[in-house]
PDB file of N, CA and C in Angstrom:
ATOM      1  N   UNK A   1      -8.721 -31.447   2.315  1.00  0.00           N
ATOM      2  CA  UNK A   1      -9.773 -30.248   1.412  1.00  0.00           C
ATOM      3  C   UNK A   1     -10.835 -29.998   2.328  1.00  0.00           C
ATOM      4  N   UNK A   2     -11.272 -30.837   3.241  1.00  0.00           N
ATOM      5  CA  UNK A   2     -12.078 -29.705   4.114  1.00  0.00           C
ATOM      6  C   UNK A   2     -11.501 -29.244   4.334  1.00  0.00           C
ATOM      7  N   UNK A   3      -9.995 -28.881   5.501  1.00  0.00           N
ATOM      8  CA  UNK A   3      -9.714 -27.394   5.618  1.00  0.00           C
ATOM      9  C   UNK A   3      -9.517 -25.988   4.373  1.00  0.00           C
ATOM     10  N   UNK A   4      -9.501 -26.901   3.282  1.00  0.00           N
ATOM     11  CA  UNK A   4      -9.296 -25.473   2.190  1.00  0.00           C
ATOM     12  C   UNK A   4     -10.506 -24.962   1.871  1.00  0.00           C
ATOM     13  N   UNK A   5     -11.836 -26.045   1.886  1.00  0.00           N
ATOM     14  CA  UNK A   5     -12.887 -25.285   1.851  1.00  0.00           C
ATOM     15  C   UNK A   5     -13.719 -24.595   3.081  1.00  0.00           C
ATOM     16  N   UNK A   6     -12.946 -25.175   4.620  1.00  0.00           N
ATOM     17  CA  UNK A   6     -13.466 -23.914   5.472  1.00  0.00           C
ATOM     18  C   UNK A   6     -12.811 -22.889   5.104  1.00  0.00           C
ATOM     19  N   UNK A   7     -11.505 -22.713   4.979  1.00  0.00           N
ATOM     20  CA  UNK A   7     -11.016 -21.646   4.774  1.00  0.00           C
ATOM     21  C   UNK A   7     -11.359 -20.658   3.408  1.00  0.00           C
ATOM     22  N   UNK A   8     -11.768 -21.327   2.320  1.00  0.00           N
ATOM     23  CA  UNK A   8     -12.557 -20.760   1.672  1.00  0.00           C
ATOM     24  C   UNK A   8     -14.029 -20.083   1.964  1.00  0.00           C
ATOM     25  N   UNK A   9     -14.338 -20.540   2.798  1.00  0.00           N
ATOM     26  CA  UNK A   9     -15.831 -20.141   3.139  1.00  0.00           C
ATOM     27  C   UNK A   9     -15.739 -19.040   4.489  1.00  0.00           C
ATOM     28  N   UNK A  10     -14.358 -19.204   5.210  1.00  0.00           N
ATOM     29  CA  UNK A  10     -13.894 -18.030   5.987  1.00  0.00           C
ATOM     30  C   UNK A  10     -13.303 -16.929   5.224  1.00  0.00           C
ATOM     31  N   UNK A  11     -13.455 -16.623   4.013  1.00  0.00           N
ATOM     32  CA  UNK A  11     -12.991 -15.522   3.375  1.00  0.00           C
ATOM     33  C   UNK A  11     -11.492 -15.481   2.870  1.00  0.00           C
ATOM     34  N   UNK A  12     -11.109 -16.800   2.957  1.00  0.00           N
ATOM     35  CA  UNK A  12      -9.634 -16.755   2.445  1.00  0.00           C
ATOM     36  C   UNK A  12     -10.019 -16.951   0.675  1.00  0.00           C
ATOM     37  N   UNK A  13      -8.908 -16.547  -0.081  1.00  0.00           N
ATOM     38  CA  UNK A  13      -8.539 -16.691  -1.484  1.00  0.00           C
ATOM     39  C   UNK A  13      -7.682 -17.591  -1.858  1.00  0.00           C
ATOM     40  N   UNK A  14      -7.834 -18.743  -2.176  1.00  0.00           N
ATOM     41  CA  UNK A  14      -6.485 -19.742  -2.341  1.00  0.00           C
ATOM     42  C   UNK A  14      -6.445 -20.000  -3.725  1.00  0.00           C
ATOM     43  N   UNK A  15      -5.145 -20.342  -4.121  1.00  0.00           N
ATOM     44  CA  UNK A  15      -4.401 -20.819  -5.482  1.00  0.00           C
ATOM     45  C   UNK A  15      -3.984 -21.766  -5.425  1.00  0.00           C
ATOM     46  N   UNK A  16      -3.707 -22.785  -5.620  1.00  0.00           N
ATOM     47  CA  UNK A  16      -3.194 -23.818  -5.549  1.00  0.00           C
ATOM     48  C   UNK A  16      -1.931 -24.449  -7.146  1.00  0.00           C
ATOM     49  N   UNK A  17      -0.862 -24.726  -6.545  1.00  0.00           N
ATOM     50  CA  UNK A  17      -0.573 -24.958  -8.000  1.00  0.00           C
ATOM     51  C   UNK A  17       0.260 -26.301  -8.175  1.00  0.00           C
ATOM     52  N   UNK A  18       0.253 -27.176  -9.603  1.00  0.00           N
ATOM     53  CA  UNK A  18       0.784 -28.391  -9.480  1.00  0.00           C
ATOM     54  C   UNK A  18       2.278 -28.465  -9.589  1.00  0.00           C
ATOM     55  N   UNK A  19       2.797 -27.534 -10.422  1.00  0.00           N
ATOM     56  CA  UNK A  19       4.290 -27.352 -10.874  1.00  0.00           C
ATOM     57  C   UNK A  19       5.153 -26.053  -9.898  1.00  0.00           C
ATOM     58  N   UNK A  20       6.222 -25.754 -10.295  1.00  0.00           N
ATOM     59  CA  UNK A  20       7.071 -25.276  -9.757  1.00  0.00           C
ATOM     60  C   UNK A  20       6.165 -23.787  -9.100  1.00  0.00           C
ATOM     61  N   UNK A  21       6.068 -23.443  -7.857  1.00  0.00           N
ATOM     62  CA  UNK A  21       5.370 -21.889  -7.538  1.00  0.00           C
ATOM     63  C   UNK A  21       6.072 -21.544  -6.093  1.00  0.00           C
ATOM     64  N   UNK A  22       5.681 -20.065  -6.202  1.00  0.00           N
ATOM     65  CA  UNK A  22       6.238 -19.644  -4.895  1.00  0.00           C
ATOM     66  C   UNK A  22       5.262 -19.626  -3.911  1.00  0.00           C
ATOM     67  N   UNK A  23       5.829 -20.007  -2.744  1.00  0.00           N
ATOM     68  CA  UNK A  23       4.793 -19.628  -1.582  1.00  0.00           C
ATOM     69  C   UNK A  23       4.413 -18.387  -0.718  1.00  0.00           C
ATOM     70  N   UNK A  24       3.419 -17.842  -0.452  1.00  0.00           N
ATOM     71  CA  UNK A  24       3.380 -16.470  -0.518  1.00  0.00           C
ATOM     72  C   UNK A  24       2.054 -16.484   0.397  1.00  0.00           C
ATOM     73  N   UNK A  25       1.690 -15.554   1.402  1.00  0.00           N
ATOM     74  CA  UNK A  25       0.232 -15.343   1.833  1.00  0.00           C
ATOM     75  C   UNK A  25       0.275 -13.972   2.033  1.00  0.00           C
ATOM     76  N   UNK A  26      -0.839 -13.362   1.558  1.00  0.00           N
ATOM     77  CA  UNK A  26      -1.151 -11.840   1.696  1.00  0.00           C
ATOM     78  C   UNK A  26      -1.906 -11.600   2.908  1.00  0.00           C
ATOM     79  N   UNK A  27      -1.820 -10.553   3.563  1.00  0.00           N
ATOM     80  CA  UNK A  27      -2.699 -10.355   5.049  1.00  0.00           C
ATOM     81  C   UNK A  27      -2.883  -8.684   4.631  1.00  0.00           C
ATOM     82  N   UNK A  28      -4.785  -8.917   4.872  1.00  0.00           N
ATOM     83  CA  UNK A  28      -4.931  -7.443   4.584  1.00  0.00           C
ATOM     84  C   UNK A  28      -4.451  -6.382   3.621  1.00  0.00           C
ATOM     85  N   UNK A  29      -4.374  -7.098   2.395  1.00  0.00           N
ATOM     86  CA  UNK A  29      -3.574  -6.215   1.451  1.00  0.00           C
ATOM     87  C   UNK A  29      -2.251  -5.416   1.450  1.00  0.00           C
ATOM     88  N   UNK A  30      -1.731  -6.138   2.258  1.00  0.00           N
ATOM     89  CA  UNK A  30      -0.779  -5.060   2.906  1.00  0.00           C
ATOM     90  C   UNK A  30       0.419  -5.674   3.110  1.00  0.00           C
ATOM     91  N   UNK A  31       0.279  -7.170   3.509  1.00  0.00           N
ATOM     92  CA  UNK A  31       1.600  -7.574   4.759  1.00  0.00           C
ATOM     93  C   UNK A  31       1.727  -9.065   3.708  1.00  0.00           C
ATOM     94  N   UNK A  32       2.766  -9.166   3.202  1.00  0.00           N
ATOM     95  CA  UNK A  32       3.234 -10.477   2.363  1.00  0.00           C
ATOM     96  C   UNK A  32       4.200 -11.492   3.120  1.00  0.00           C
ATOM     97  N   UNK A  33       3.907 -12.444   3.371  1.00  0.00           N
ATOM     98  CA  UNK A  33       4.788 -13.523   3.725  1.00  0.00           C
ATOM     99  C   UNK A  33       5.402 -14.192   2.702  1.00  0.00           C
ATOM    100  N   UNK A  34       6.894 -14.216   2.172  1.00  0.00           N
ATOM    101  CA  UNK A  34       6.940 -14.966   0.960  1.00  0.00           C
ATOM    102  C   UNK A  34       8.387 -15.802   1.237  1.00  0.00           C
ATOM    103  N   UNK A  35       8.300 -16.873   0.989  1.00  0.00           N
ATOM    104  CA  UNK A  35       9.582 -17.417   1.122  1.00  0.00           C
ATOM    105  C   UNK A  35       9.247 -18.735   0.570  1.00  0.00           C
ATOM    106  N   UNK A  36      10.019 -20.034   0.568  1.00  0.00           N
ATOM    107  CA  UNK A  36      10.191 -21.470   0.210  1.00  0.00           C
ATOM    108  C   UNK A  36       8.985 -22.468   1.375  1.00  0.00           C
ATOM    109  N   UNK A  37       8.688 -21.731   2.431  1.00  0.00           N
ATOM    110  CA  UNK A  37       7.564 -22.565   3.088  1.00  0.00           C
ATOM    111  C   UNK A  37       6.714 -22.963   2.685  1.00  0.00           C
ATOM    112  N   UNK A  38       6.383 -24.119   2.947  1.00  0.00           N
ATOM    113  CA  UNK A  38       4.863 -24.763   2.035  1.00  0.00           C
ATOM    114  C   UNK A  38       4.005 -24.235   3.463  1.00  0.00           C
ATOM    115  N   UNK A  39       3.165 -23.147   3.223  1.00  0.00           N
ATOM    116  CA  UNK A  39       2.154 -22.525   4.598  1.00  0.00           C
ATOM    117  C   UNK A  39       1.090 -23.595   4.893  1.00  0.00           C
ATOM    118  N   UNK A  40       0.700 -24.457   4.199  1.00  0.00           N
ATOM    119  CA  UNK A  40      -0.358 -25.645   4.317  1.00  0.00           C
ATOM    120  C   UNK A  40       0.215 -27.086   4.401  1.00  0.00           C
ATOM    121  N   UNK A  41       1.595 -26.834   4.793  1.00  0.00           N
ATOM    122  CA  UNK A  41       2.130 -28.261   4.738  1.00  0.00           C
ATOM    123  C   UNK A  41       3.301 -28.261   5.816  1.00  0.00           C
ATOM    124  N   UNK A  42       3.765 -29.499   5.767  1.00  0.00           N
ATOM    125  CA  UNK A  42       5.025 -29.740   6.687  1.00  0.00           C
ATOM    126  C   UNK A  42       6.445 -28.635   6.398  1.00  0.00           C
ATOM    127  N   UNK A  43       6.942 -28.325   7.177  1.00  0.00           N
ATOM    128  CA  UNK A  43       7.943 -27.795   7.383  1.00  0.00           C
ATOM    129  C   UNK A  43       9.795 -28.897   7.347  1.00  0.00           C
ATOM    130  N   UNK A  44      10.702 -27.927   6.808  1.00  0.00           N
ATOM    131  CA  UNK A  44      11.537 -28.621   6.209  1.00  0.00           C
ATOM    132  C   UNK A  44      12.793 -27.434   6.954  1.00  0.00           C
ATOM    133  N   UNK A  45      14.492 -28.247   7.592  1.00  0.00           N
ATOM    134  CA  UNK A  45      14.918 -27.604   7.954  1.00  0.00           C
ATOM    135  C   UNK A  45      15.314 -26.287   7.170  1.00  0.00           C
ATOM    136  N   UNK A  46      15.659 -26.361   5.623  1.00  0.00           N
ATOM    137  CA  UNK A  46      16.080 -25.638   4.722  1.00  0.00           C
ATOM    138  C   UNK A  46      14.850 -24.502   4.376  1.00  0.00           C
ATOM    139  N   UNK A  47      13.814 -24.675   5.398  1.00  0.00           N
ATOM    140  CA  UNK A  47      13.005 -23.456   4.529  1.00  0.00           C
ATOM    141  C   UNK A  47      13.454 -22.109   5.680  1.00  0.00           C
ATOM    142  N   UNK A  48      12.610 -21.147   4.787  1.00  0.00           N
ATOM    143  CA  UNK A  48      13.027 -19.602   4.977  1.00  0.00           C
ATOM    144  C   UNK A  48      11.907 -18.904   4.356  1.00  0.00           C
ATOM    145  N   UNK A  49      11.607 -18.105   4.963  1.00  0.00           N
ATOM    146  CA  UNK A  49      10.387 -16.940   4.569  1.00  0.00           C
ATOM    147  C   UNK A  49      10.769 -15.756   5.403  1.00  0.00           C
ATOM    148  N   UNK A  50      10.128 -14.441   4.526  1.00  0.00           N
ATOM    149  CA  UNK A  50      10.476 -13.078   4.926  1.00  0.00           C
ATOM    150  C   UNK A  50       9.287 -12.146   4.780  1.00  0.00           C
ATOM    151  N   UNK A  51       9.148 -11.500   6.006  1.00  0.00           N
ATOM    152  CA  UNK A  51       7.395 -10.537   5.780  1.00  0.00           C
ATOM    153  C   UNK A  51       8.262  -9.190   5.196  1.00  0.00           C
ATOM    154  N   UNK A  52       6.948  -8.657   4.508  1.00  0.00           N
ATOM    155  CA  UNK A  52       7.099  -7.636   3.792  1.00  0.00           C
ATOM    156  C   UNK A  52       6.461  -6.716   4.070  1.00  0.00           C
ATOM    157  N   UNK A  53       6.113  -5.577   4.638  1.00  0.00           N
ATOM    158  CA  UNK A  53       4.618  -4.611   4.459  1.00  0.00           C
ATOM    159  C   UNK A  53       4.922  -3.916   3.086  1.00  0.00           C
ATOM    160  N   UNK A  54       4.140  -4.121   2.464  1.00  0.00           N
ATOM    161  CA  UNK A  54       3.811  -3.085   1.220  1.00  0.00           C
ATOM    162  C   UNK A  54       2.627  -3.323   0.512  1.00  0.00           C
ATOM    163  N   UNK A  55       2.113  -2.246   0.139  1.00  0.00           N
ATOM    164  CA  UNK A  55       0.526  -2.398  -0.521  1.00  0.00           C
ATOM    165  C   UNK A  55       0.958  -2.943  -1.757  1.00  0.00           C
ATOM    166  N   UNK A  56       2.249  -2.053  -2.750  1.00  0.00           N
ATOM    167  CA  UNK A  56       2.234  -1.927  -4.032  1.00  0.00           C
ATOM    168  C   UNK A  56       2.795  -3.583  -4.253  1.00  0.00           C
ATOM    169  N   UNK A  57       3.282  -4.297  -3.600  1.00  0.00           N
ATOM    170  CA  UNK A  57       4.063  -5.842  -3.670  1.00  0.00           C
ATOM    171  C   UNK A  57       2.907  -6.543  -3.527  1.00  0.00           C
ATOM    172  N   UNK A  58       1.744  -6.431  -2.263  1.00  0.00           N
ATOM    173  CA  UNK A  58       0.978  -7.005  -2.353  1.00  0.00           C
ATOM    174  C   UNK A  58      -0.012  -7.150  -3.291  1.00  0.00           C
ATOM    175  N   UNK A  59      -0.251  -5.868  -4.227  1.00  0.00           N
ATOM    176  CA  UNK A  59      -1.349  -5.773  -5.406  1.00  0.00           C
ATOM    177  C   UNK A  59      -0.582  -6.446  -6.251  1.00  0.00           C
ATOM    178  N   UNK A  60       1.044  -6.147  -6.539  1.00  0.00           N
ATOM    179  CA  UNK A  60       1.699  -7.347  -7.767  1.00  0.00           C
ATOM    180  C   UNK A  60       1.351  -8.642  -7.760  1.00  0.00           C
ATOM    181  N   UNK A  61       1.397  -9.022  -6.375  1.00  0.00           N
ATOM    182  CA  UNK A  61       1.080 -10.325  -6.198  1.00  0.00           C
ATOM    183  C   UNK A  61      -0.196 -10.956  -6.690  1.00  0.00           C
ATOM    184  N   UNK A  62      -1.041 -10.212  -5.802  1.00  0.00           N
ATOM    185  CA  UNK A  62      -2.565 -10.454  -6.130  1.00  0.00           C
ATOM    186  C   UNK A  62      -2.905 -10.009  -7.418  1.00  0.00           C
ATOM    187  N   UNK A  63      -2.475  -9.115  -8.068  1.00  0.00           N
ATOM    188  CA  UNK A  63      -2.937  -9.291  -9.451  1.00  0.00           C
ATOM    189  C   UNK A  63      -2.498 -10.402 -10.627  1.00  0.00           C
ATOM    190  N   UNK A  64      -0.896 -10.824 -10.249  1.00  0.00           N
ATOM    191  CA  UNK A  64      -0.314 -11.886 -11.059  1.00  0.00           C
ATOM    192  C   UNK A  64      -0.898 -12.869 -10.780  1.00  0.00           C
ATOM    193  N   UNK A  65      -1.374 -13.254  -9.849  1.00  0.00           N
ATOM    194  CA  UNK A  65      -1.795 -14.512  -9.256  1.00  0.00           C
ATOM    195  C   UNK A  65      -3.416 -14.863  -9.605  1.00  0.00           C
ATOM    196  N   UNK A  66      -4.117 -14.203  -9.312  1.00  0.00           N
ATOM    197  CA  UNK A  66      -5.578 -13.948  -9.311  1.00  0.00           C
ATOM    198  C   UNK A  66      -6.125 -13.142 -10.251  1.00  0.00           C
ATOM    199  N   UNK A  67      -5.688 -12.068 -11.306  1.00  0.00           N
ATOM    200  CA  UNK A  67      -5.988 -11.286 -12.171  1.00  0.00           C
ATOM    201  C   UNK A  67      -6.662  -9.983 -11.561  1.00  0.00           C
ATOM    202  N   UNK A  68      -7.244  -9.582 -12.675  1.00  0.00           N
ATOM    203  CA  UNK A  68      -7.592  -8.094 -12.305  1.00  0.00           C
ATOM    204  C   UNK A  68      -8.552  -7.974 -11.224  1.00  0.00           C
ATOM    205  N   UNK A  69      -9.829  -9.150 -11.947  1.00  0.00           N
ATOM    206  CA  UNK A  69     -11.133  -9.247 -11.050  1.00  0.00           C
ATOM    207  C   UNK A  69     -11.056  -9.081  -9.573  1.00  0.00           C
ATOM    208  N   UNK A  70      -9.815 -10.060  -8.962  1.00  0.00           N
ATOM    209  CA  UNK A  70     -10.081  -9.915  -7.736  1.00  0.00           C
ATOM    210  C   UNK A  70      -9.386  -9.088  -7.051  1.00  0.00           C
ATOM    211  N   UNK A  71      -8.196  -8.379  -7.851  1.00  0.00           N
ATOM    212  CA  UNK A  71      -7.654  -7.293  -7.687  1.00  0.00           C
ATOM    213  C   UNK A  71      -8.962  -6.448  -7.244  1.00  0.00           C
ATOM    214  N   UNK A  72      -9.552  -5.774  -8.110  1.00  0.00           N
ATOM    215  CA  UNK A  72     -10.452  -4.867  -8.149  1.00  0.00           C
ATOM    216  C   UNK A  72     -11.675  -4.725  -7.821  1.00  0.00           C
ATOM    217  N   UNK A  73     -12.149  -6.199  -7.103  1.00  0.00           N
ATOM    218  CA  UNK A  73     -12.617  -6.752  -6.317  1.00  0.00           C
ATOM    219  C   UNK A  73     -12.435  -6.402  -4.777  1.00  0.00           C
ATOM    220  N   UNK A  74     -11.427  -6.271  -4.275  1.00  0.00           N
ATOM    221  CA  UNK A  74     -11.021  -6.302  -3.114  1.00  0.00           C
ATOM    222  C   UNK A  74     -10.864  -4.477  -2.790  1.00  0.00           C
ATOM    223  N   UNK A  75     -10.064  -4.176  -3.966  1.00  0.00           N
ATOM    224  CA  UNK A  75     -10.105  -2.747  -3.798  1.00  0.00           C
ATOM    225  C   UNK A  75     -11.069  -1.411  -3.583  1.00  0.00           C
ATOM    226  N   UNK A  76     -12.299  -2.591  -3.911  1.00  0.00           N
ATOM    227  CA  UNK A  76     -13.797  -1.631  -4.075  1.00  0.00           C
ATOM    228  C   UNK A  76     -14.277  -1.672  -2.187  1.00  0.00           C
ATOM    229  N   UNK A  77     -13.567  -2.274  -1.452  1.00  0.00           N
ATOM    230  CA  UNK A  77     -14.233  -2.494   0.189  1.00  0.00           C
ATOM    231  C   UNK A  77     -13.905  -1.251   0.555  1.00  0.00           C
TER     232      UNK A  77
END
């Protein structure tokens, strides 16, 4: 929990889910790391991940995950 709080204070936007969820990270509103790897947990031999460079896909994922408020906030920079 302390690590998550430190990440939030450093400017990360985090959302975790208890049920089935997709694992992804968005960097600079353009680079998407997407797959079944638990990015903040232990790895498994079966894990896989792909890197996609797309502002459109990153925007869609941010809007679906965080809603319009974060998407609009980040686009005002």
